[in-house]
Structures are given as C-alpha cells and as structure tokens.
C-alpha cells in the first residue's frame, strides 16, 4: 500500500509568531520582515494575523476600561503562546474566529461602566450582534429624510435617498435599563450601524472631538471599527463601521444632527445636506 506523504508546510509560520508579531513582542527585524512577506502572500495568514491584531486592540481597550481579570484571561487563553510550537493548519482560522469573536463580544459588553455608568464602547458592541429584522420603511411624513423608527424624539435618517446608504436591518436591545435601537445601512459591500439610546445619556468618552454645526462628534477606534458618538436631544447616538473612513461616518452623523428630530425645521429637498466645514477632516 502506497504511503501518502503530506506536502511540506511552506509557510513555516507558527501561531505563536503571529501573536508576537501582532502585539509587537517579536523583536527580530529580519523575522518580522519575512513574516510580513508571507502574510502578504497568503490569504489564510492574512486572516489569522488580522484577527490577532483585533485581539490585541480588544485587550488594550479592556485594560483601559478595567475589564474583569477573568475576561482578560479568557482572551489570553484563546491566543497561542510562545511555548506552543504548533504550525498553522487548515481550520485553525475558523476555530479561532469563533472563539475569539465570542470572547471579544463578551469583553465589549461586560466592560464595567464605573462611577459614570455604562460606556459608549459597550453600546457600540451591540452592533456586532447583527440585525434580527428588515430595515424600517420610510416615514410617510418625510420619506426622503426619515425612516419609520425613532427613540423618543430622535429619528433614524433615510440615508438611502441622499447618500446611497440603504437601511437593510434593525435590532432592539435593552441596554442597562435603556431602550437601544440599531439600524444597519449598506452601500455596496460596506455596512454601518447606527444605534440610538434612550435616556439617560451615556458618559462621554475620552476621544478626539470634531465640532460640526454646533454639535461635538467624538471619534474612537475600537477593535478594528471606527466609532463616532454624539448627543441629540440629550440622548446618546453611536455610529460605527469597519472599512469606512471617520470622515464618512462624521458626514453621515452631522447630516443626521441637522433637524432630524421633532421640533426642528427640515431643510428643503435641494438643501438636505451641505458638507459642513471640516467634515472631511
């Protein structure tokens, strides 16, 4: 009976090396350069390395938010250590994706709010749960500007008419005693999630502030996603997405802040949006 010999592992990359490269602990410049060359040439290695980078970012966020030690240890256990000499294998990426995704979501949702209550990073993590229903229909009172969904007086905008971002899904959660509604918008292959929370407002995060139209928009980078948060009518609004620039998110958020709530006048159709100064920053 002929013995089947498996092909050699051409990648010669260990899980521990990818972890060390992702967190900066791999100090050999030649090996770092070689690993980057192999990652660039391999979709599998690229996917695993990107997941490792997200873990590093999540751990950094967890430490800054004083996440419980048990949760931090749980993520660390999912990562390969320098003591493991295991080479990458088919299926590693799939298994790691499931375990780490669950751990990252647990950390994001369980970060303690501290004296100021729950955080914007926790609220942004609601979007990772995904939609559970179709997107809201246009509001018959103002179909080109609003959707038929709101939290108190703050309405979800119809970005499909103005910018080509069509609402494709929604979910409703209870978030620390508050109603939290998330609507998902899609343009091409890009998806953003917009969450409006009921009162009381969440504490403002320490983040870069861009002031547009008299409203302060704070921009954060959380585990590979860009998050923009602001307040409308005293309520917290959170807009997030991966692969979407901060400028685009701020543009959408700024347009939403210009009259899309009860009691404010609406611009004429031809004046729906004019890019505010500094929106492309």
C-alpha atoms as a PDB file:
ATOM      1  CA  UNK A   1       0.000   0.000   0.000  1.00  0.00           C
ATOM      2  CA  UNK A   2       1.462   3.298  -1.065  1.00  0.00           C
ATOM      3  CA  UNK A   3       2.125   5.751   1.761  1.00  0.00           C
ATOM      4  CA  UNK A   4       0.776   9.249   1.195  1.00  0.00           C
ATOM      5  CA  UNK A   5       3.232  11.924   2.243  1.00  0.00           C
ATOM      6  CA  UNK A   6       1.671  15.312   3.042  1.00  0.00           C
ATOM      7  CA  UNK A   7       3.163  18.322   1.260  1.00  0.00           C
ATOM      8  CA  UNK A   8       5.663  20.332   3.265  1.00  0.00           C
ATOM      9  CA  UNK A   9       4.428  23.360   5.197  1.00  0.00           C
ATOM     10  CA  UNK A  10       5.771  26.173   3.039  1.00  0.00           C
ATOM     11  CA  UNK A  11       4.553  28.894   5.328  1.00  0.00           C
ATOM     12  CA  UNK A  12       6.803  27.830   8.250  1.00  0.00           C
ATOM     13  CA  UNK A  13       4.845  30.225  10.458  1.00  0.00           C
ATOM     14  CA  UNK A  14       3.804  29.296  13.971  1.00  0.00           C
ATOM     15  CA  UNK A  15       0.727  30.576  15.725  1.00  0.00           C
ATOM     16  CA  UNK A  16       2.926  31.996  18.469  1.00  0.00           C
ATOM     17  CA  UNK A  17       4.945  34.002  15.949  1.00  0.00           C
ATOM     18  CA  UNK A  18       1.809  35.591  14.518  1.00  0.00           C
ATOM     19  CA  UNK A  19       0.696  36.518  18.024  1.00  0.00           C
ATOM     20  CA  UNK A  20       4.098  38.019  18.801  1.00  0.00           C
ATOM     21  CA  UNK A  21       4.080  39.961  15.537  1.00  0.00           C
ATOM     22  CA  UNK A  22       0.607  41.296  16.280  1.00  0.00           C
ATOM     23  CA  UNK A  23       1.403  42.512  19.799  1.00  0.00           C
ATOM     24  CA  UNK A  24       4.868  43.846  18.987  1.00  0.00           C
ATOM     25  CA  UNK A  25       6.835  41.360  21.087  1.00  0.00           C
ATOM     26  CA  UNK A  26       8.629  39.870  18.075  1.00  0.00           C
ATOM     27  CA  UNK A  27      11.809  41.955  18.025  1.00  0.00           C
ATOM     28  CA  UNK A  28      13.895  40.238  15.301  1.00  0.00           C
ATOM     29  CA  UNK A  29      13.609  42.680  12.346  1.00  0.00           C
ATOM     30  CA  UNK A  30      14.565  40.059   9.751  1.00  0.00           C
ATOM     31  CA  UNK A  31      11.944  37.608  11.004  1.00  0.00           C
ATOM     32  CA  UNK A  32       9.341  40.367  11.179  1.00  0.00           C
ATOM     33  CA  UNK A  33      10.031  41.277   7.564  1.00  0.00           C
ATOM     34  CA  UNK A  34       9.849  37.621   6.497  1.00  0.00           C
ATOM     35  CA  UNK A  35       6.547  37.103   8.305  1.00  0.00           C
ATOM     36  CA  UNK A  36       5.038  40.187   6.670  1.00  0.00           C
ATOM     37  CA  UNK A  37       6.103  38.848   3.245  1.00  0.00           C
ATOM     38  CA  UNK A  38       4.445  35.505   3.945  1.00  0.00           C
ATOM     39  CA  UNK A  39       1.302  37.175   5.307  1.00  0.00           C
ATOM     40  CA  UNK A  40       1.021  39.339   2.193  1.00  0.00           C
ATOM     41  CA  UNK A  41       1.255  36.216   0.030  1.00  0.00           C
ATOM     42  CA  UNK A  42      -1.264  34.108   1.976  1.00  0.00           C
ATOM     43  CA  UNK A  43      -4.981  34.934   2.441  1.00  0.00           C
ATOM     44  CA  UNK A  44      -5.144  32.407   5.326  1.00  0.00           C
ATOM     45  CA  UNK A  45      -2.214  34.008   7.158  1.00  0.00           C
ATOM     46  CA  UNK A  46      -3.648  37.451   6.489  1.00  0.00           C
ATOM     47  CA  UNK A  47      -6.987  36.491   8.062  1.00  0.00           C
ATOM     48  CA  UNK A  48      -5.332  34.978  11.139  1.00  0.00           C
ATOM     49  CA  UNK A  49      -2.976  37.932  11.583  1.00  0.00           C
ATOM     50  CA  UNK A  50      -5.843  40.426  11.324  1.00  0.00           C
ATOM     51  CA  UNK A  51      -7.754  38.501  13.986  1.00  0.00           C
ATOM     52  CA  UNK A  52      -4.684  38.575  16.221  1.00  0.00           C
ATOM     53  CA  UNK A  53      -4.467  42.339  15.753  1.00  0.00           C
ATOM     54  CA  UNK A  54      -8.124  42.685  16.780  1.00  0.00           C
ATOM     55  CA  UNK A  55      -7.411  40.671  19.912  1.00  0.00           C
ATOM     56  CA  UNK A  56      -4.522  42.990  20.790  1.00  0.00           C
ATOM     57  CA  UNK A  57      -6.766  46.025  20.326  1.00  0.00           C
ATOM     58  CA  UNK A  58      -9.547  44.461  22.389  1.00  0.00           C
ATOM     59  CA  UNK A  59      -7.159  43.643  25.223  1.00  0.00           C
ATOM     60  CA  UNK A  60      -5.842  47.183  25.180  1.00  0.00           C
ATOM     61  CA  UNK A  61      -9.393  48.529  25.333  1.00  0.00           C
ATOM     62  CA  UNK A  62     -10.290  46.075  28.092  1.00  0.00           C
ATOM     63  CA  UNK A  63      -7.337  47.160  30.207  1.00  0.00           C
ATOM     64  CA  UNK A  64      -8.149  50.835  29.726  1.00  0.00           C
ATOM     65  CA  UNK A  65     -11.770  50.178  30.749  1.00  0.00           C
ATOM     66  CA  UNK A  66     -10.718  47.980  33.707  1.00  0.00           C
ATOM     67  CA  UNK A  67     -12.415  44.848  32.407  1.00  0.00           C
ATOM     68  CA  UNK A  68     -12.630  41.979  34.906  1.00  0.00           C
ATOM     69  CA  UNK A  69      -9.439  39.943  35.058  1.00  0.00           C
ATOM     70  CA  UNK A  70     -11.314  36.737  34.244  1.00  0.00           C
ATOM     71  CA  UNK A  71     -12.396  38.162  30.900  1.00  0.00           C
ATOM     72  CA  UNK A  72      -8.907  39.335  30.016  1.00  0.00           C
ATOM     73  CA  UNK A  73      -7.542  35.902  30.880  1.00  0.00           C
ATOM     74  CA  UNK A  74     -10.194  34.279  28.725  1.00  0.00           C
ATOM     75  CA  UNK A  75      -8.995  36.169  25.658  1.00  0.00           C
ATOM     76  CA  UNK A  76      -5.366  35.450  26.501  1.00  0.00           C
ATOM     77  CA  UNK A  77      -6.142  31.734  26.699  1.00  0.00           C
ATOM     78  CA  UNK A  78      -7.557  31.860  23.160  1.00  0.00           C
ATOM     79  CA  UNK A  79      -4.221  33.142  21.876  1.00  0.00           C
ATOM     80  CA  UNK A  80      -1.235  30.862  21.187  1.00  0.00           C
ATOM     81  CA  UNK A  81       1.792  31.385  23.426  1.00  0.00           C
ATOM     82  CA  UNK A  82       5.498  31.219  22.736  1.00  0.00           C
ATOM     83  CA  UNK A  83       5.563  27.764  24.348  1.00  0.00           C
ATOM     84  CA  UNK A  84       3.391  26.342  21.569  1.00  0.00           C
ATOM     85  CA  UNK A  85       5.382  25.126  18.608  1.00  0.00           C
ATOM     86  CA  UNK A  86       2.285  24.285  16.603  1.00  0.00           C
ATOM     87  CA  UNK A  87       2.316  25.234  12.937  1.00  0.00           C
ATOM     88  CA  UNK A  88      -0.678  26.743  11.243  1.00  0.00           C
ATOM     89  CA  UNK A  89      -3.128  24.187   9.960  1.00  0.00           C
ATOM     90  CA  UNK A  90      -6.275  24.197   7.880  1.00  0.00           C
ATOM     91  CA  UNK A  91      -9.227  25.014  10.080  1.00  0.00           C
ATOM     92  CA  UNK A  92      -7.227  26.977  12.656  1.00  0.00           C
ATOM     93  CA  UNK A  93      -8.581  30.255  11.338  1.00  0.00           C
ATOM     94  CA  UNK A  94     -12.180  29.075  11.513  1.00  0.00           C
ATOM     95  CA  UNK A  95     -11.882  27.781  15.070  1.00  0.00           C
ATOM     96  CA  UNK A  96     -10.043  30.855  16.258  1.00  0.00           C
ATOM     97  CA  UNK A  97     -12.587  33.146  14.657  1.00  0.00           C
ATOM     98  CA  UNK A  98     -15.467  31.636  16.583  1.00  0.00           C
ATOM     99  CA  UNK A  99     -13.719  31.535  19.935  1.00  0.00           C
ATOM    100  CA  UNK A 100     -12.181  34.971  19.761  1.00  0.00           C
ATOM    101  CA  UNK A 101     -15.298  36.621  18.343  1.00  0.00           C
ATOM    102  CA  UNK A 102     -17.280  35.324  21.291  1.00  0.00           C
ATOM    103  CA  UNK A 103     -14.614  36.429  23.751  1.00  0.00           C
ATOM    104  CA  UNK A 104     -14.332  39.891  22.211  1.00  0.00           C
ATOM    105  CA  UNK A 105     -18.089  40.384  22.322  1.00  0.00           C
ATOM    106  CA  UNK A 106     -18.214  39.273  25.963  1.00  0.00           C
ATOM    107  CA  UNK A 107     -15.466  41.726  26.880  1.00  0.00           C
ATOM    108  CA  UNK A 108     -17.086  44.592  25.000  1.00  0.00           C
ATOM    109  CA  UNK A 109     -20.469  44.002  26.594  1.00  0.00           C
ATOM    110  CA  UNK A 110     -19.131  43.332  30.085  1.00  0.00           C
ATOM    111  CA  UNK A 111     -16.772  46.287  30.469  1.00  0.00           C
ATOM    112  CA  UNK A 112     -17.730  47.936  33.715  1.00  0.00           C
ATOM    113  CA  UNK A 113     -19.243  51.359  33.477  1.00  0.00           C
ATOM    114  CA  UNK A 114     -17.566  52.601  36.643  1.00  0.00           C
ATOM    115  CA  UNK A 115     -18.913  55.615  38.516  1.00  0.00           C
ATOM    116  CA  UNK A 116     -20.257  57.175  35.304  1.00  0.00           C
ATOM    117  CA  UNK A 117     -22.341  54.186  34.219  1.00  0.00           C
ATOM    118  CA  UNK A 118     -22.088  52.064  31.042  1.00  0.00           C
ATOM    119  CA  UNK A 119     -19.761  53.200  28.270  1.00  0.00           C
ATOM    120  CA  UNK A 120     -20.039  54.088  24.598  1.00  0.00           C
ATOM    121  CA  UNK A 121     -17.734  51.161  23.772  1.00  0.00           C
ATOM    122  CA  UNK A 122     -20.297  48.804  25.297  1.00  0.00           C
ATOM    123  CA  UNK A 123     -23.100  50.433  23.318  1.00  0.00           C
ATOM    124  CA  UNK A 124     -21.083  50.185  20.094  1.00  0.00           C
ATOM    125  CA  UNK A 125     -20.696  46.431  20.698  1.00  0.00           C
ATOM    126  CA  UNK A 126     -24.461  45.974  20.305  1.00  0.00           C
ATOM    127  CA  UNK A 127     -23.987  46.393  16.556  1.00  0.00           C
ATOM    128  CA  UNK A 128     -21.842  43.227  16.475  1.00  0.00           C
ATOM    129  CA  UNK A 129     -24.889  41.139  17.336  1.00  0.00           C
ATOM    130  CA  UNK A 130     -26.298  41.697  13.847  1.00  0.00           C
ATOM    131  CA  UNK A 131     -29.770  42.540  12.594  1.00  0.00           C
ATOM    132  CA  UNK A 132     -32.823  40.493  13.504  1.00  0.00           C
ATOM    133  CA  UNK A 133     -35.313  42.050  11.102  1.00  0.00           C
ATOM    134  CA  UNK A 134     -35.729  44.084   7.945  1.00  0.00           C
ATOM    135  CA  UNK A 135     -34.854  47.758   7.918  1.00  0.00           C
ATOM    136  CA  UNK A 136     -37.558  50.313   8.769  1.00  0.00           C
ATOM    137  CA  UNK A 137     -39.719  51.714   5.991  1.00  0.00           C
ATOM    138  CA  UNK A 138     -39.524  55.414   5.058  1.00  0.00           C
ATOM    139  CA  UNK A 139     -41.570  57.707   7.247  1.00  0.00           C
ATOM    140  CA  UNK A 140     -44.641  58.769   5.231  1.00  0.00           C
ATOM    141  CA  UNK A 141     -44.445  62.278   6.742  1.00  0.00           C
ATOM    142  CA  UNK A 142     -40.960  62.858   5.298  1.00  0.00           C
ATOM    143  CA  UNK A 143     -39.935  59.762   3.314  1.00  0.00           C
ATOM    144  CA  UNK A 144     -36.793  61.214   1.755  1.00  0.00           C
ATOM    145  CA  UNK A 145     -35.320  62.222   5.101  1.00  0.00           C
ATOM    146  CA  UNK A 146     -36.676  59.873   7.779  1.00  0.00           C
ATOM    147  CA  UNK A 147     -37.320  56.232   8.482  1.00  0.00           C
ATOM    148  CA  UNK A 148     -40.303  54.976  10.458  1.00  0.00           C
ATOM    149  CA  UNK A 149     -38.238  54.289  13.545  1.00  0.00           C
ATOM    150  CA  UNK A 150     -37.286  56.548  16.416  1.00  0.00           C
ATOM    151  CA  UNK A 151     -36.242  56.565  20.059  1.00  0.00           C
ATOM    152  CA  UNK A 152     -38.280  59.260  21.748  1.00  0.00           C
ATOM    153  CA  UNK A 153     -37.935  62.339  19.521  1.00  0.00           C
ATOM    154  CA  UNK A 154     -34.765  61.199  17.714  1.00  0.00           C
ATOM    155  CA  UNK A 155     -35.476  59.655  14.321  1.00  0.00           C
ATOM    156  CA  UNK A 156     -33.366  57.402  12.144  1.00  0.00           C
ATOM    157  CA  UNK A 157     -32.479  59.136   8.859  1.00  0.00           C
ATOM    158  CA  UNK A 158     -33.126  57.853   5.351  1.00  0.00           C
ATOM    159  CA  UNK A 159     -29.550  57.932   4.054  1.00  0.00           C
ATOM    160  CA  UNK A 160     -30.543  55.863   1.025  1.00  0.00           C
ATOM    161  CA  UNK A 161     -32.224  58.822  -0.665  1.00  0.00           C
ATOM    162  CA  UNK A 162     -29.382  61.252  -0.046  1.00  0.00           C
ATOM    163  CA  UNK A 163     -26.207  59.161   0.036  1.00  0.00           C
ATOM    164  CA  UNK A 164     -26.988  55.667  -1.246  1.00  0.00           C
ATOM    165  CA  UNK A 165     -26.769  54.082   2.222  1.00  0.00           C
ATOM    166  CA  UNK A 166     -29.887  51.895   2.284  1.00  0.00           C
ATOM    167  CA  UNK A 167     -31.248  50.578   5.569  1.00  0.00           C
ATOM    168  CA  UNK A 168     -31.055  46.777   5.480  1.00  0.00           C
ATOM    169  CA  UNK A 169     -31.786  45.631   9.031  1.00  0.00           C
ATOM    170  CA  UNK A 170     -32.519  46.542  12.623  1.00  0.00           C
ATOM    171  CA  UNK A 171     -32.447  45.227  16.169  1.00  0.00           C
ATOM    172  CA  UNK A 172     -33.813  46.402  19.538  1.00  0.00           C
ATOM    173  CA  UNK A 173     -31.978  45.744  22.806  1.00  0.00           C
ATOM    174  CA  UNK A 174     -32.341  46.580  26.461  1.00  0.00           C
ATOM    175  CA  UNK A 175     -29.092  48.253  27.487  1.00  0.00           C
ATOM    176  CA  UNK A 176     -28.677  48.829  31.224  1.00  0.00           C
ATOM    177  CA  UNK A 177     -32.331  49.770  31.582  1.00  0.00           C
ATOM    178  CA  UNK A 178     -32.389  51.834  28.377  1.00  0.00           C
ATOM    179  CA  UNK A 179     -34.017  51.038  25.086  1.00  0.00           C
ATOM    180  CA  UNK A 180     -31.342  50.793  22.368  1.00  0.00           C
ATOM    181  CA  UNK A 181     -32.350  50.609  18.706  1.00  0.00           C
ATOM    182  CA  UNK A 182     -29.785  49.829  16.000  1.00  0.00           C
ATOM    183  CA  UNK A 183     -30.398  50.254  12.271  1.00  0.00           C
ATOM    184  CA  UNK A 184     -27.948  48.818   9.741  1.00  0.00           C
ATOM    185  CA  UNK A 185     -27.201  50.656   6.488  1.00  0.00           C
ATOM    186  CA  UNK A 186     -25.398  49.239   3.458  1.00  0.00           C
ATOM    187  CA  UNK A 187     -23.768  50.786   0.401  1.00  0.00           C
ATOM    188  CA  UNK A 188     -22.006  48.347  -1.903  1.00  0.00           C
ATOM    189  CA  UNK A 189     -20.116  45.983   0.389  1.00  0.00           C
ATOM    190  CA  UNK A 190     -19.839  48.459   3.270  1.00  0.00           C
ATOM    191  CA  UNK A 191     -22.140  48.307   6.298  1.00  0.00           C
ATOM    192  CA  UNK A 192     -22.534  50.826   9.118  1.00  0.00           C
ATOM    193  CA  UNK A 193     -24.619  50.501  12.261  1.00  0.00           C
ATOM    194  CA  UNK A 194     -26.419  53.413  13.902  1.00  0.00           C
ATOM    195  CA  UNK A 195     -27.593  52.972  17.495  1.00  0.00           C
ATOM    196  CA  UNK A 196     -29.828  55.466  19.312  1.00  0.00           C
ATOM    197  CA  UNK A 197     -30.196  55.009  23.065  1.00  0.00           C
ATOM    198  CA  UNK A 198     -32.946  56.185  25.353  1.00  0.00           C
ATOM    199  CA  UNK A 199     -32.238  58.458  28.312  1.00  0.00           C
ATOM    200  CA  UNK A 200     -30.203  58.884  30.404  1.00  0.00           C
ATOM    201  CA  UNK A 201     -27.252  59.686  28.174  1.00  0.00           C
ATOM    202  CA  UNK A 202     -24.036  57.680  28.463  1.00  0.00           C
ATOM    203  CA  UNK A 203     -20.890  59.366  29.712  1.00  0.00           C
ATOM    204  CA  UNK A 204     -18.817  60.998  27.006  1.00  0.00           C
ATOM    205  CA  UNK A 205     -15.664  59.025  26.111  1.00  0.00           C
ATOM    206  CA  UNK A 206     -12.170  60.494  26.075  1.00  0.00           C
ATOM    207  CA  UNK A 207     -11.698  60.830  22.313  1.00  0.00           C
ATOM    208  CA  UNK A 208     -10.869  63.264  19.524  1.00  0.00           C
ATOM    209  CA  UNK A 209     -13.641  65.841  19.121  1.00  0.00           C
ATOM    210  CA  UNK A 210     -14.803  67.334  15.813  1.00  0.00           C
ATOM    211  CA  UNK A 211     -17.328  70.155  16.106  1.00  0.00           C
ATOM    212  CA  UNK A 212     -19.781  70.379  13.205  1.00  0.00           C
ATOM    213  CA  UNK A 213     -22.873  72.583  13.164  1.00  0.00           C
ATOM    214  CA  UNK A 214     -22.578  73.221  16.888  1.00  0.00           C
ATOM    215  CA  UNK A 215     -22.501  69.502  17.748  1.00  0.00           C
ATOM    216  CA  UNK A 216     -19.462  67.687  19.189  1.00  0.00           C
ATOM    217  CA  UNK A 217     -18.685  64.397  17.435  1.00  0.00           C
ATOM    218  CA  UNK A 218     -16.236  62.099  19.208  1.00  0.00           C
ATOM    219  CA  UNK A 219     -14.298  59.555  17.129  1.00  0.00           C
ATOM    220  CA  UNK A 220     -12.889  56.330  18.575  1.00  0.00           C
ATOM    221  CA  UNK A 221     -11.057  53.293  17.199  1.00  0.00           C
ATOM    222  CA  UNK A 222     -12.352  50.115  18.856  1.00  0.00           C
ATOM    223  CA  UNK A 223     -11.199  46.643  17.841  1.00  0.00           C
ATOM    224  CA  UNK A 224     -10.914  47.401  14.143  1.00  0.00           C
ATOM    225  CA  UNK A 225     -14.074  49.519  13.966  1.00  0.00           C
ATOM    226  CA  UNK A 226     -14.441  53.277  13.736  1.00  0.00           C
ATOM    227  CA  UNK A 227     -16.993  54.672  16.179  1.00  0.00           C
ATOM    228  CA  UNK A 228     -18.480  58.173  16.114  1.00  0.00           C
ATOM    229  CA  UNK A 229     -20.683  59.251  19.006  1.00  0.00           C
ATOM    230  CA  UNK A 230     -22.640  62.407  19.790  1.00  0.00           C
ATOM    231  CA  UNK A 231     -25.761  63.551  21.620  1.00  0.00           C
ATOM    232  CA  UNK A 232     -29.087  64.545  20.110  1.00  0.00           C
ATOM    233  CA  UNK A 233     -31.789  65.887  22.383  1.00  0.00           C
ATOM    234  CA  UNK A 234     -29.786  64.667  25.365  1.00  0.00           C
ATOM    235  CA  UNK A 235     -29.706  61.100  24.016  1.00  0.00           C
ATOM    236  CA  UNK A 236     -26.589  59.166  23.047  1.00  0.00           C
ATOM    237  CA  UNK A 237     -26.126  58.301  19.370  1.00  0.00           C
ATOM    238  CA  UNK A 238     -23.461  55.842  18.173  1.00  0.00           C
ATOM    239  CA  UNK A 239     -22.475  55.244  14.550  1.00  0.00           C
ATOM    240  CA  UNK A 240     -19.876  52.594  13.718  1.00  0.00           C
ATOM    241  CA  UNK A 241     -18.419  50.626  10.847  1.00  0.00           C
ATOM    242  CA  UNK A 242     -15.383  48.722   9.614  1.00  0.00           C
ATOM    243  CA  UNK A 243     -13.668  49.788   6.411  1.00  0.00           C
ATOM    244  CA  UNK A 244     -15.458  53.142   6.444  1.00  0.00           C
ATOM    245  CA  UNK A 245     -13.460  56.329   6.978  1.00  0.00           C
ATOM    246  CA  UNK A 246     -14.038  58.541  10.038  1.00  0.00           C
ATOM    247  CA  UNK A 247     -14.824  61.431   7.675  1.00  0.00           C
ATOM    248  CA  UNK A 248     -17.678  59.493   6.046  1.00  0.00           C
ATOM    249  CA  UNK A 249     -19.121  58.493   9.418  1.00  0.00           C
ATOM    250  CA  UNK A 250     -18.938  62.082  10.661  1.00  0.00           C
ATOM    251  CA  UNK A 251     -20.562  63.317   7.463  1.00  0.00           C
ATOM    252  CA  UNK A 252     -23.493  60.946   7.943  1.00  0.00           C
ATOM    253  CA  UNK A 253     -23.737  61.769  11.641  1.00  0.00           C
ATOM    254  CA  UNK A 254     -23.618  65.518  11.008  1.00  0.00           C
ATOM    255  CA  UNK A 255     -26.392  65.312   8.442  1.00  0.00           C
ATOM    256  CA  UNK A 256     -28.461  63.324  10.913  1.00  0.00           C
ATOM    257  CA  UNK A 257     -27.940  66.001  13.538  1.00  0.00           C
ATOM    258  CA  UNK A 258     -29.300  68.802  11.347  1.00  0.00           C
ATOM    259  CA  UNK A 259     -33.025  68.736  12.068  1.00  0.00           C
ATOM    260  CA  UNK A 260     -33.958  65.076  12.052  1.00  0.00           C
ATOM    261  CA  UNK A 261     -35.919  65.183  15.297  1.00  0.00           C
ATOM    262  CA  UNK A 262     -39.270  66.566  16.376  1.00  0.00           C
ATOM    263  CA  UNK A 263     -39.411  70.287  16.962  1.00  0.00           C
ATOM    264  CA  UNK A 264     -36.731  71.257  14.446  1.00  0.00           C
ATOM    265  CA  UNK A 265     -37.371  72.611  10.955  1.00  0.00           C
ATOM    266  CA  UNK A 266     -36.450  70.445   7.990  1.00  0.00           C
ATOM    267  CA  UNK A 267     -34.326  71.676   5.126  1.00  0.00           C
ATOM    268  CA  UNK A 268     -35.816  71.828   1.665  1.00  0.00           C
ATOM    269  CA  UNK A 269     -35.127  68.824  -0.557  1.00  0.00           C
ATOM    270  CA  UNK A 270     -32.456  70.687  -2.526  1.00  0.00           C
ATOM    271  CA  UNK A 271     -30.781  71.767   0.738  1.00  0.00           C
ATOM    272  CA  UNK A 272     -30.838  68.431   2.554  1.00  0.00           C
ATOM    273  CA  UNK A 273     -27.109  68.373   3.050  1.00  0.00           C
ATOM    274  CA  UNK A 274     -24.245  70.714   2.538  1.00  0.00           C
ATOM    275  CA  UNK A 275     -20.905  69.418   3.805  1.00  0.00           C
ATOM    276  CA  UNK A 276     -20.048  71.452   6.886  1.00  0.00           C
ATOM    277  CA  UNK A 277     -16.618  72.998   7.099  1.00  0.00           C
ATOM    278  CA  UNK A 278     -14.169  70.478   8.435  1.00  0.00           C
ATOM    279  CA  UNK A 279     -16.367  67.427   7.754  1.00  0.00           C
ATOM    280  CA  UNK A 280     -13.719  65.869   5.562  1.00  0.00           C
ATOM    281  CA  UNK A 281     -11.080  66.071   8.278  1.00  0.00           C
END
